[in-house]
Amino acid sequence: MQTITIPKQEYIMLKKKASLAEDLFIQLESSLRDAEAGRIREAKH
C-alpha cells in the first residue's frame, strides 16, 4: 500500500464529498425500491 500526503483542507473536502455521494446513493436506492413497489405518484402542478 502506498501513502500520499495531501493538505488537511483537501482531505476534509474529499471526506465531505464521499459522505454526500453515499447519502445520494442511499436516497436513490430507496427511491428505486419505492418505484418498484408502486409507491411513487406524480406531483400535481
Protein backbone atom coordinates (compact mmCIF):
# COMPACT_ATOMS: atom_id res chain seq x y z
CA MET A 1 0.00 0.00 0.00
CA GLN A 2 1.27 3.45 -0.89
CA THR A 3 0.89 6.56 1.23
CA ILE A 4 0.37 10.06 -0.10
CA THR A 5 0.25 13.40 1.66
CA ILE A 6 -2.45 15.98 0.94
CA PRO A 7 -3.38 19.23 2.67
CA LYS A 8 -5.89 18.92 5.50
CA GLN A 9 -8.42 21.15 3.70
CA GLU A 10 -8.35 18.84 0.68
CA TYR A 11 -8.82 15.81 2.94
CA ILE A 12 -11.82 17.45 4.62
CA MET A 13 -13.33 18.33 1.23
CA LEU A 14 -12.87 14.76 -0.05
CA LYS A 15 -14.46 13.31 3.09
CA LYS A 16 -17.49 15.62 2.66
CA LYS A 17 -17.84 14.62 -1.00
CA ALA A 18 -17.65 10.94 -0.10
CA SER A 19 -20.30 11.38 2.57
CA LEU A 20 -22.58 13.28 0.18
CA ALA A 21 -22.13 10.62 -2.52
CA GLU A 22 -23.03 7.90 -0.03
CA ASP A 23 -26.15 9.79 1.09
CA LEU A 24 -27.25 10.32 -2.52
CA PHE A 25 -26.73 6.64 -3.30
CA ILE A 26 -28.85 5.62 -0.31
CA GLN A 27 -31.63 8.02 -1.39
CA LEU A 28 -31.50 6.72 -4.97
CA GLU A 29 -31.66 3.13 -3.78
CA SER A 30 -34.66 3.95 -1.59
CA SER A 31 -36.40 5.73 -4.46
CA LEU A 32 -35.89 2.77 -6.76
CA ARG A 33 -37.39 0.43 -4.17
CA ASP A 34 -40.37 2.78 -3.81
CA ALA A 35 -40.82 2.84 -7.60
CA GLU A 36 -40.70 -0.96 -7.80
CA ALA A 37 -43.30 -1.20 -5.06
CA GLY A 38 -45.55 1.36 -6.80
CA ARG A 39 -45.27 3.93 -4.00
CA ILE A 40 -44.40 6.87 -6.24
CA ARG A 41 -47.07 9.24 -7.50
CA GLU A 42 -46.73 12.08 -9.97
CA ALA A 43 -46.67 15.52 -8.37
CA LYS A 44 -49.56 17.79 -9.30
CA HIS A 45 -48.68 21.25 -10.59
